[in-house]
N, C-alpha and C. Protein backbone atom coordinates (compact mmCIF):
# COMPACT_ATOMS: atom_id res chain seq x y z
N MET A 1 0.84 -1.17 0.00
CA MET A 1 0.00 0.00 0.00
C MET A 1 0.90 1.24 0.00
N PRO A 2 0.72 2.12 -0.98
CA PRO A 2 1.52 3.35 -1.00
C PRO A 2 1.11 4.28 0.14
N LEU A 3 2.11 4.94 0.70
CA LEU A 3 1.83 5.87 1.80
C LEU A 3 1.26 7.16 1.23
N PRO A 4 0.24 7.72 1.89
CA PRO A 4 -0.41 8.93 1.37
C PRO A 4 0.47 10.16 1.50
N LYS A 5 0.34 11.03 0.54
CA LYS A 5 1.08 12.29 0.56
C LYS A 5 0.26 13.34 1.32
N PRO A 6 0.93 14.34 1.90
CA PRO A 6 0.19 15.37 2.65
C PRO A 6 -0.94 16.03 1.86
N LYS A 7 -0.72 16.26 0.57
CA LYS A 7 -1.75 16.89 -0.25
C LYS A 7 -3.00 15.99 -0.33
N GLU A 8 -2.76 14.67 -0.47
CA GLU A 8 -3.88 13.73 -0.52
C GLU A 8 -4.64 13.73 0.80
N ILE A 9 -3.92 13.83 1.91
CA ILE A 9 -4.55 13.81 3.24
C ILE A 9 -5.41 15.05 3.43
N ARG A 10 -4.91 16.21 2.99
CA ARG A 10 -5.67 17.46 3.13
C ARG A 10 -6.99 17.38 2.37
N GLU A 11 -6.99 16.67 1.25
CA GLU A 11 -8.19 16.58 0.42
C GLU A 11 -9.19 15.55 0.93
N MET A 12 -8.78 14.70 1.91
CA MET A 12 -9.67 13.68 2.44
C MET A 12 -10.66 14.27 3.43
N SER A 13 -11.83 13.63 3.52
CA SER A 13 -12.79 14.02 4.56
C SER A 13 -12.35 13.36 5.87
N ALA A 14 -12.98 13.74 6.97
CA ALA A 14 -12.63 13.17 8.27
C ALA A 14 -12.87 11.66 8.29
N GLU A 15 -13.93 11.21 7.66
CA GLU A 15 -14.23 9.77 7.61
C GLU A 15 -13.18 9.01 6.82
N GLU A 16 -12.76 9.59 5.70
CA GLU A 16 -11.73 8.94 4.88
C GLU A 16 -10.40 8.86 5.64
N ARG A 17 -10.07 9.93 6.38
CA ARG A 17 -8.84 9.92 7.18
C ARG A 17 -8.88 8.82 8.22
N ALA A 18 -10.02 8.71 8.93
CA ALA A 18 -10.16 7.69 9.96
C ALA A 18 -10.02 6.30 9.35
N LYS A 19 -10.60 6.09 8.18
CA LYS A 19 -10.51 4.79 7.51
C LYS A 19 -9.07 4.50 7.11
N LYS A 20 -8.37 5.50 6.60
CA LYS A 20 -6.98 5.33 6.17
C LYS A 20 -6.08 5.01 7.37
N VAL A 21 -6.29 5.70 8.49
CA VAL A 21 -5.50 5.43 9.70
C VAL A 21 -5.74 4.00 10.17
N ALA A 22 -6.99 3.55 10.14
CA ALA A 22 -7.31 2.18 10.54
C ALA A 22 -6.59 1.18 9.64
N GLU A 23 -6.56 1.44 8.33
CA GLU A 23 -5.87 0.55 7.40
C GLU A 23 -4.38 0.51 7.70
N LEU A 24 -3.78 1.68 7.93
CA LEU A 24 -2.35 1.74 8.21
C LEU A 24 -2.01 1.03 9.53
N LYS A 25 -2.85 1.22 10.54
CA LYS A 25 -2.61 0.56 11.83
C LYS A 25 -2.74 -0.95 11.71
N ALA A 26 -3.71 -1.42 10.91
CA ALA A 26 -3.86 -2.87 10.69
C ALA A 26 -2.64 -3.44 9.97
N GLU A 27 -2.15 -2.71 8.99
CA GLU A 27 -0.96 -3.15 8.27
C GLU A 27 0.26 -3.17 9.20
N LEU A 28 0.37 -2.16 10.07
CA LEU A 28 1.46 -2.11 11.03
C LEU A 28 1.41 -3.31 11.97
N MET A 29 0.20 -3.67 12.43
CA MET A 29 0.06 -4.82 13.31
C MET A 29 0.47 -6.11 12.60
N ARG A 30 0.09 -6.25 11.33
CA ARG A 30 0.49 -7.45 10.57
C ARG A 30 2.01 -7.54 10.46
N GLU A 31 2.64 -6.41 10.14
CA GLU A 31 4.10 -6.39 10.00
C GLU A 31 4.79 -6.70 11.32
N ARG A 32 4.30 -6.11 12.41
CA ARG A 32 4.89 -6.37 13.72
C ARG A 32 4.68 -7.83 14.13
N GLY A 33 3.51 -8.38 13.82
CA GLY A 33 3.23 -9.77 14.13
C GLY A 33 4.18 -10.70 13.40
N MET A 34 4.43 -10.40 12.12
CA MET A 34 5.36 -11.21 11.34
C MET A 34 6.76 -11.15 11.93
N ALA A 35 7.17 -9.94 12.33
CA ALA A 35 8.50 -9.76 12.91
C ALA A 35 8.61 -10.48 14.26
N ALA A 36 7.55 -10.43 15.05
CA ALA A 36 7.57 -11.06 16.37
C ALA A 36 7.64 -12.58 16.26
N MET A 37 7.05 -13.15 15.22
CA MET A 37 7.08 -14.59 15.04
C MET A 37 8.38 -15.06 14.40
N GLY A 38 9.25 -14.12 14.07
CA GLY A 38 10.54 -14.48 13.49
C GLY A 38 10.52 -14.57 11.98
N GLY A 39 9.43 -14.18 11.37
CA GLY A 39 9.34 -14.19 9.92
C GLY A 39 10.12 -13.04 9.31
N ALA A 40 10.56 -13.25 8.10
CA ALA A 40 11.30 -12.19 7.41
C ALA A 40 10.31 -11.13 6.92
N PRO A 41 10.56 -9.88 7.25
CA PRO A 41 9.65 -8.82 6.77
C PRO A 41 9.76 -8.65 5.26
N THR A 42 8.65 -8.28 4.64
CA THR A 42 8.66 -8.08 3.19
C THR A 42 9.56 -6.90 2.82
N SER A 43 9.57 -5.89 3.68
CA SER A 43 10.42 -4.73 3.48
C SER A 43 10.95 -4.31 4.85
N PRO A 44 12.26 -4.32 5.04
CA PRO A 44 12.82 -4.03 6.36
C PRO A 44 12.44 -2.67 6.95
N GLY A 45 12.26 -1.66 6.13
CA GLY A 45 11.95 -0.33 6.63
C GLY A 45 10.46 -0.03 6.70
N LYS A 46 9.64 -1.01 6.38
CA LYS A 46 8.20 -0.76 6.29
C LYS A 46 7.58 -0.43 7.64
N ILE A 47 8.00 -1.12 8.70
CA ILE A 47 7.45 -0.86 10.04
C ILE A 47 7.74 0.57 10.44
N ARG A 48 8.96 0.98 10.24
CA ARG A 48 9.35 2.35 10.60
C ARG A 48 8.57 3.38 9.77
N ALA A 49 8.44 3.12 8.47
CA ALA A 49 7.71 4.04 7.60
C ALA A 49 6.24 4.15 8.00
N LEU A 50 5.63 3.02 8.35
CA LEU A 50 4.23 3.05 8.77
C LEU A 50 4.07 3.83 10.07
N ARG A 51 4.95 3.59 11.03
CA ARG A 51 4.88 4.32 12.31
C ARG A 51 5.01 5.81 12.08
N ARG A 52 5.96 6.19 11.26
CA ARG A 52 6.18 7.62 10.99
C ARG A 52 5.00 8.25 10.27
N THR A 53 4.46 7.54 9.31
CA THR A 53 3.32 8.07 8.56
C THR A 53 2.13 8.30 9.48
N ILE A 54 1.85 7.32 10.32
CA ILE A 54 0.71 7.46 11.23
C ILE A 54 0.92 8.64 12.17
N SER A 55 2.12 8.76 12.73
CA SER A 55 2.33 9.83 13.71
C SER A 55 2.48 11.21 13.06
N ARG A 56 3.21 11.30 11.98
CA ARG A 56 3.45 12.61 11.36
C ARG A 56 2.25 13.14 10.59
N ARG A 57 1.66 12.29 9.80
CA ARG A 57 0.61 12.78 8.90
C ARG A 57 -0.79 12.68 9.46
N PHE A 58 -0.97 11.79 10.43
CA PHE A 58 -2.30 11.62 10.98
C PHE A 58 -2.33 11.88 12.48
N GLY A 59 -1.27 12.43 13.03
CA GLY A 59 -1.21 12.68 14.46
C GLY A 59 -2.15 13.79 14.88
N ASP A 60 -2.08 14.16 16.15
CA ASP A 60 -2.96 15.21 16.67
C ASP A 60 -2.80 16.50 15.89
N TRP A 61 -1.56 16.85 15.57
CA TRP A 61 -1.33 18.09 14.84
C TRP A 61 -1.44 17.88 13.35
N GLY A 62 -1.05 16.69 12.88
CA GLY A 62 -1.17 16.37 11.46
C GLY A 62 -0.55 17.40 10.55
N ILE A 63 -1.31 17.87 9.62
CA ILE A 63 -0.85 18.81 8.60
C ILE A 63 -0.50 20.16 9.21
N ILE A 64 -1.17 20.53 10.29
CA ILE A 64 -0.96 21.84 10.90
C ILE A 64 0.49 22.01 11.37
N SER A 65 1.13 20.93 11.80
CA SER A 65 2.49 21.04 12.32
C SER A 65 3.46 21.56 11.26
N ALA A 66 3.26 21.18 10.01
CA ALA A 66 4.12 21.68 8.94
C ALA A 66 3.96 23.18 8.78
N GLN A 67 2.74 23.69 8.90
CA GLN A 67 2.51 25.13 8.79
C GLN A 67 3.13 25.87 9.97
N LEU A 68 3.04 25.29 11.17
CA LEU A 68 3.65 25.91 12.34
C LEU A 68 5.17 25.95 12.21
N GLN A 69 5.74 24.89 11.67
CA GLN A 69 7.18 24.84 11.49
C GLN A 69 7.62 25.93 10.52
N GLN A 70 6.87 26.12 9.43
CA GLN A 70 7.22 27.15 8.47
C GLN A 70 7.09 28.53 9.09
N ALA A 71 6.09 28.75 9.93
CA ALA A 71 5.93 30.03 10.60
C ALA A 71 7.12 30.30 11.52
N SER A 72 7.62 29.26 12.18
CA SER A 72 8.78 29.40 13.05
C SER A 72 10.01 29.81 12.25
N VAL A 73 10.19 29.20 11.09
CA VAL A 73 11.32 29.54 10.21
C VAL A 73 11.20 31.00 9.77
N ASP A 74 9.99 31.42 9.41
CA ASP A 74 9.77 32.80 8.99
C ASP A 74 10.11 33.80 10.10
N ARG A 75 9.73 33.46 11.34
CA ARG A 75 10.04 34.36 12.47
C ARG A 75 11.56 34.47 12.68
N ARG A 76 12.26 33.35 12.56
CA ARG A 76 13.72 33.39 12.73
C ARG A 76 14.37 34.21 11.63
N ARG A 77 13.87 34.06 10.41
CA ARG A 77 14.42 34.83 9.30
C ARG A 77 14.22 36.33 9.52
N SER A 78 13.02 36.70 9.96
CA SER A 78 12.76 38.13 10.16
C SER A 78 13.60 38.68 11.31
N ALA A 79 13.85 37.89 12.33
CA ALA A 79 14.68 38.34 13.45
C ALA A 79 16.11 38.58 12.99
N LEU A 80 16.57 37.78 12.02
CA LEU A 80 17.94 37.94 11.51
C LEU A 80 18.01 38.93 10.36
N GLY A 81 16.86 39.45 9.93
CA GLY A 81 16.85 40.43 8.85
C GLY A 81 16.94 39.80 7.47
N ILE A 82 16.63 38.52 7.36
CA ILE A 82 16.67 37.83 6.07
C ILE A 82 15.27 37.86 5.47
N ARG A 83 15.18 38.32 4.23
CA ARG A 83 13.87 38.35 3.58
C ARG A 83 13.48 36.95 3.13
N ALA A 84 12.27 36.59 3.43
CA ALA A 84 11.75 35.30 3.00
C ALA A 84 11.25 35.40 1.57
N PRO A 85 11.39 34.33 0.80
CA PRO A 85 10.86 34.37 -0.56
C PRO A 85 9.34 34.46 -0.55
N HIS A 86 8.79 35.13 -1.55
CA HIS A 86 7.33 35.28 -1.63
C HIS A 86 6.70 33.94 -1.96
N ARG A 87 5.63 33.59 -1.26
CA ARG A 87 4.91 32.36 -1.57
C ARG A 87 3.44 32.55 -1.20
N GLU A 88 2.60 31.76 -1.82
CA GLU A 88 1.17 31.79 -1.54
C GLU A 88 0.90 31.12 -0.19
N VAL A 89 0.03 31.70 0.58
CA VAL A 89 -0.35 31.13 1.87
C VAL A 89 -1.56 30.23 1.66
N PRO A 90 -1.45 28.93 2.07
CA PRO A 90 -2.61 28.05 1.87
C PRO A 90 -3.79 28.51 2.70
N GLY A 91 -4.98 28.43 2.14
CA GLY A 91 -6.17 28.93 2.82
C GLY A 91 -6.94 27.88 3.40
């Protein structure tokens, strides 16, 4: 299953997001179960990627955290007197 991109997540409804999180968590449980039984994982980095996707993209802050991080960068730039490049603000 391909991991969803932030743009795809923003376009999802709340129900679709909940369904996607449930699918990812089920897949994570399958992968962890296989690893716990001593089976070879289909992809060694898949467990880590699933955990990160669930926490970063579907966490409490989700997409908002990326916007907050950019705002923090903008504040640091203005404090140092560095002009930020012009960009459209997502609405």
